[in-house]
Amino acid sequence: MKTKFWVLPIFLFLASLNITAQAAEVGVTDSEIRIGQFAALSGPAAELGKRMQLGIQAHFTAINAAGGIKGRKLTLVSRDDGY
């Protein structure tokens, strides 16, 4: 079951590598890449959602400390789906 918690951060990381410098993308600037997350941050599944948020944030912190993605810092924008 522990491997499920690594699927989302790995997917987000791999998806972020595919960003190109073509036309402007929503959430992508010269200095930042914003990635959205909808998760249960309240309600009966809140603990799961909060831990996913912490895991993603920890991974983004490590990527940003290493210089980001092509110089862009990753930013997580989380919204509560209220599960």
N, C-alpha and C. Protein backbone atom coordinates (compact mmCIF):
# COMPACT_ATOMS: atom_id res chain seq x y z
N MET A 1 0.81 -1.20 0.00
CA MET A 1 0.00 0.00 0.00
C MET A 1 0.86 1.27 0.00
N LYS A 2 2.07 1.20 0.51
CA LYS A 2 2.89 2.40 0.59
C LYS A 2 3.25 2.93 -0.80
N THR A 3 3.32 2.06 -1.79
CA THR A 3 3.70 2.52 -3.13
C THR A 3 2.66 3.44 -3.73
N LYS A 4 1.41 3.33 -3.33
CA LYS A 4 0.36 4.20 -3.86
C LYS A 4 0.64 5.67 -3.54
N PHE A 5 1.26 5.94 -2.42
CA PHE A 5 1.51 7.32 -2.01
C PHE A 5 2.57 7.99 -2.87
N TRP A 6 3.38 7.22 -3.57
CA TRP A 6 4.43 7.78 -4.41
C TRP A 6 3.98 7.97 -5.85
N VAL A 7 2.84 7.44 -6.21
CA VAL A 7 2.39 7.53 -7.60
C VAL A 7 2.14 8.97 -8.01
N LEU A 8 1.38 9.72 -7.24
CA LEU A 8 1.05 11.10 -7.61
C LEU A 8 2.29 12.00 -7.69
N PRO A 9 3.16 12.03 -6.68
CA PRO A 9 4.34 12.90 -6.80
C PRO A 9 5.23 12.52 -7.99
N ILE A 10 5.38 11.24 -8.26
CA ILE A 10 6.20 10.82 -9.39
C ILE A 10 5.55 11.25 -10.70
N PHE A 11 4.23 11.07 -10.80
CA PHE A 11 3.52 11.49 -12.01
C PHE A 11 3.68 12.99 -12.22
N LEU A 12 3.51 13.77 -11.17
CA LEU A 12 3.63 15.23 -11.30
C LEU A 12 5.04 15.62 -11.72
N PHE A 13 6.03 14.96 -11.16
CA PHE A 13 7.41 15.27 -11.52
C PHE A 13 7.65 14.95 -12.99
N LEU A 14 7.24 13.79 -13.43
CA LEU A 14 7.45 13.42 -14.83
C LEU A 14 6.68 14.33 -15.78
N ALA A 15 5.47 14.70 -15.39
CA ALA A 15 4.68 15.61 -16.22
C ALA A 15 5.35 16.97 -16.31
N SER A 16 5.98 17.41 -15.23
CA SER A 16 6.61 18.72 -15.24
C SER A 16 7.85 18.75 -16.15
N LEU A 17 8.46 17.61 -16.39
CA LEU A 17 9.63 17.56 -17.27
C LEU A 17 9.26 17.78 -18.73
N ASN A 18 8.01 17.61 -19.07
CA ASN A 18 7.56 17.73 -20.45
C ASN A 18 7.18 19.16 -20.82
N ILE A 19 7.46 20.12 -19.97
CA ILE A 19 7.10 21.52 -20.21
C ILE A 19 8.10 22.12 -21.21
N THR A 20 7.60 22.80 -22.21
CA THR A 20 8.46 23.44 -23.20
C THR A 20 8.29 24.95 -23.12
N ALA A 21 9.17 25.66 -23.79
CA ALA A 21 9.15 27.12 -23.75
C ALA A 21 8.36 27.69 -24.92
N GLN A 22 7.34 26.99 -25.39
CA GLN A 22 6.52 27.47 -26.50
C GLN A 22 5.53 28.51 -25.98
N ALA A 23 4.32 28.46 -26.44
CA ALA A 23 3.28 29.43 -26.03
C ALA A 23 3.06 29.35 -24.53
N ALA A 24 2.61 30.46 -23.97
CA ALA A 24 2.37 30.54 -22.53
C ALA A 24 1.33 29.51 -22.12
N GLU A 25 1.58 28.83 -21.02
CA GLU A 25 0.66 27.85 -20.47
C GLU A 25 0.10 28.40 -19.16
N VAL A 26 -1.13 28.05 -18.87
CA VAL A 26 -1.74 28.46 -17.61
C VAL A 26 -0.92 27.86 -16.47
N GLY A 27 -0.49 28.69 -15.54
CA GLY A 27 0.28 28.23 -14.40
C GLY A 27 1.78 28.16 -14.62
N VAL A 28 2.24 28.49 -15.82
CA VAL A 28 3.67 28.43 -16.11
C VAL A 28 4.16 29.82 -16.46
N THR A 29 5.16 30.29 -15.72
CA THR A 29 5.79 31.57 -16.02
C THR A 29 7.28 31.32 -16.20
N ASP A 30 8.03 32.37 -16.39
CA ASP A 30 9.48 32.24 -16.51
C ASP A 30 10.14 31.77 -15.22
N SER A 31 9.45 31.99 -14.08
CA SER A 31 10.07 31.67 -12.80
C SER A 31 9.31 30.63 -11.98
N GLU A 32 8.12 30.22 -12.44
CA GLU A 32 7.29 29.36 -11.60
C GLU A 32 6.44 28.40 -12.44
N ILE A 33 6.21 27.22 -11.87
CA ILE A 33 5.26 26.26 -12.41
C ILE A 33 4.28 25.96 -11.29
N ARG A 34 3.02 26.32 -11.50
CA ARG A 34 1.98 26.03 -10.50
C ARG A 34 1.26 24.76 -10.89
N ILE A 35 1.16 23.87 -9.91
CA ILE A 35 0.47 22.61 -10.13
C ILE A 35 -0.67 22.52 -9.11
N GLY A 36 -1.86 22.22 -9.61
CA GLY A 36 -3.03 22.16 -8.75
C GLY A 36 -3.30 20.78 -8.20
N GLN A 37 -3.92 20.77 -7.03
CA GLN A 37 -4.28 19.54 -6.36
C GLN A 37 -5.65 19.72 -5.72
N PHE A 38 -6.57 18.83 -6.03
CA PHE A 38 -7.82 18.75 -5.30
C PHE A 38 -7.73 17.49 -4.47
N ALA A 39 -7.95 17.62 -3.17
CA ALA A 39 -7.83 16.47 -2.28
C ALA A 39 -8.73 16.68 -1.07
N ALA A 40 -8.97 15.60 -0.37
CA ALA A 40 -9.76 15.68 0.86
C ALA A 40 -8.87 16.27 1.97
N LEU A 41 -9.03 17.54 2.22
CA LEU A 41 -8.27 18.20 3.29
C LEU A 41 -9.14 18.37 4.52
N SER A 42 -10.43 18.04 4.38
CA SER A 42 -11.36 18.01 5.50
C SER A 42 -12.28 16.81 5.28
N GLY A 43 -13.06 16.47 6.29
CA GLY A 43 -13.96 15.33 6.16
C GLY A 43 -13.29 14.03 6.58
N PRO A 44 -13.96 12.90 6.31
CA PRO A 44 -13.47 11.61 6.81
C PRO A 44 -12.14 11.14 6.20
N ALA A 45 -11.78 11.64 5.04
CA ALA A 45 -10.51 11.24 4.40
C ALA A 45 -9.45 12.33 4.51
N ALA A 46 -9.64 13.26 5.41
CA ALA A 46 -8.74 14.41 5.52
C ALA A 46 -7.30 14.01 5.78
N GLU A 47 -7.09 13.01 6.61
CA GLU A 47 -5.71 12.62 6.94
C GLU A 47 -4.97 12.15 5.69
N LEU A 48 -5.64 11.41 4.84
CA LEU A 48 -5.03 10.95 3.59
C LEU A 48 -4.69 12.14 2.70
N GLY A 49 -5.63 13.05 2.51
CA GLY A 49 -5.40 14.22 1.67
C GLY A 49 -4.28 15.10 2.18
N LYS A 50 -4.24 15.30 3.48
CA LYS A 50 -3.20 16.14 4.07
C LYS A 50 -1.82 15.50 3.91
N ARG A 51 -1.76 14.18 4.05
CA ARG A 51 -0.47 13.49 3.90
C ARG A 51 0.00 13.50 2.44
N MET A 52 -0.95 13.39 1.51
CA MET A 52 -0.56 13.51 0.09
C MET A 52 -0.01 14.91 -0.16
N GLN A 53 -0.67 15.92 0.40
CA GLN A 53 -0.22 17.30 0.24
C GLN A 53 1.19 17.47 0.81
N LEU A 54 1.43 16.92 1.98
CA LEU A 54 2.76 17.01 2.60
C LEU A 54 3.82 16.29 1.75
N GLY A 55 3.47 15.13 1.20
CA GLY A 55 4.41 14.39 0.36
C GLY A 55 4.77 15.14 -0.91
N ILE A 56 3.77 15.70 -1.55
CA ILE A 56 4.01 16.49 -2.76
C ILE A 56 4.86 17.70 -2.44
N GLN A 57 4.50 18.39 -1.36
CA GLN A 57 5.24 19.59 -0.97
C GLN A 57 6.70 19.27 -0.65
N ALA A 58 6.93 18.14 0.02
CA ALA A 58 8.31 17.73 0.33
C ALA A 58 9.10 17.47 -0.96
N HIS A 59 8.46 16.83 -1.92
CA HIS A 59 9.13 16.55 -3.19
C HIS A 59 9.41 17.84 -3.95
N PHE A 60 8.45 18.75 -3.97
CA PHE A 60 8.65 20.04 -4.63
C PHE A 60 9.76 20.83 -3.96
N THR A 61 9.85 20.77 -2.65
CA THR A 61 10.91 21.47 -1.92
C THR A 61 12.28 20.94 -2.34
N ALA A 62 12.39 19.63 -2.49
CA ALA A 62 13.66 19.03 -2.92
C ALA A 62 14.00 19.45 -4.35
N ILE A 63 13.01 19.44 -5.23
CA ILE A 63 13.25 19.85 -6.62
C ILE A 63 13.66 21.32 -6.67
N ASN A 64 12.96 22.17 -5.91
CA ASN A 64 13.27 23.60 -5.89
C ASN A 64 14.64 23.87 -5.32
N ALA A 65 15.05 23.10 -4.31
CA ALA A 65 16.38 23.29 -3.72
C ALA A 65 17.48 22.93 -4.72
N ALA A 66 17.15 22.07 -5.67
CA ALA A 66 18.12 21.67 -6.70
C ALA A 66 18.05 22.56 -7.93
N GLY A 67 17.29 23.64 -7.85
CA GLY A 67 17.23 24.58 -8.97
C GLY A 67 15.93 24.57 -9.74
N GLY A 68 14.98 23.73 -9.33
CA GLY A 68 13.69 23.70 -9.99
C GLY A 68 13.73 22.94 -11.30
N ILE A 69 12.75 23.20 -12.15
CA ILE A 69 12.66 22.59 -13.47
C ILE A 69 13.02 23.66 -14.49
N LYS A 70 14.17 23.50 -15.12
CA LYS A 70 14.67 24.50 -16.06
C LYS A 70 14.62 25.90 -15.45
N GLY A 71 15.02 25.98 -14.17
CA GLY A 71 15.08 27.26 -13.48
C GLY A 71 13.77 27.73 -12.88
N ARG A 72 12.70 27.00 -13.11
CA ARG A 72 11.39 27.39 -12.57
C ARG A 72 11.12 26.65 -11.27
N LYS A 73 10.61 27.35 -10.29
CA LYS A 73 10.25 26.76 -9.01
C LYS A 73 8.87 26.14 -9.11
N LEU A 74 8.67 24.99 -8.46
CA LEU A 74 7.37 24.34 -8.42
C LEU A 74 6.57 24.87 -7.25
N THR A 75 5.30 25.17 -7.48
CA THR A 75 4.40 25.65 -6.45
C THR A 75 3.15 24.78 -6.46
N LEU A 76 2.75 24.28 -5.30
CA LEU A 76 1.55 23.48 -5.19
C LEU A 76 0.40 24.36 -4.74
N VAL A 77 -0.70 24.31 -5.48
CA VAL A 77 -1.92 25.04 -5.12
C VAL A 77 -2.95 23.98 -4.77
N SER A 78 -3.29 23.87 -3.48
CA SER A 78 -4.21 22.83 -3.02
C SER A 78 -5.59 23.40 -2.74
N ARG A 79 -6.60 22.62 -3.11
CA ARG A 79 -7.99 22.96 -2.80
C ARG A 79 -8.65 21.77 -2.16
N ASP A 80 -9.49 22.03 -1.20
CA ASP A 80 -10.19 20.99 -0.45
C ASP A 80 -11.44 20.55 -1.22
N ASP A 81 -11.55 19.25 -1.47
CA ASP A 81 -12.76 18.76 -2.12
C ASP A 81 -13.82 18.36 -1.10
N GLY A 82 -13.49 18.48 0.19
CA GLY A 82 -14.45 18.28 1.26
C GLY A 82 -14.98 16.86 1.43
N TYR A 83 -14.26 15.89 0.93
CA TYR A 83 -14.73 14.51 1.01
C TYR A 83 -15.32 14.26 2.35
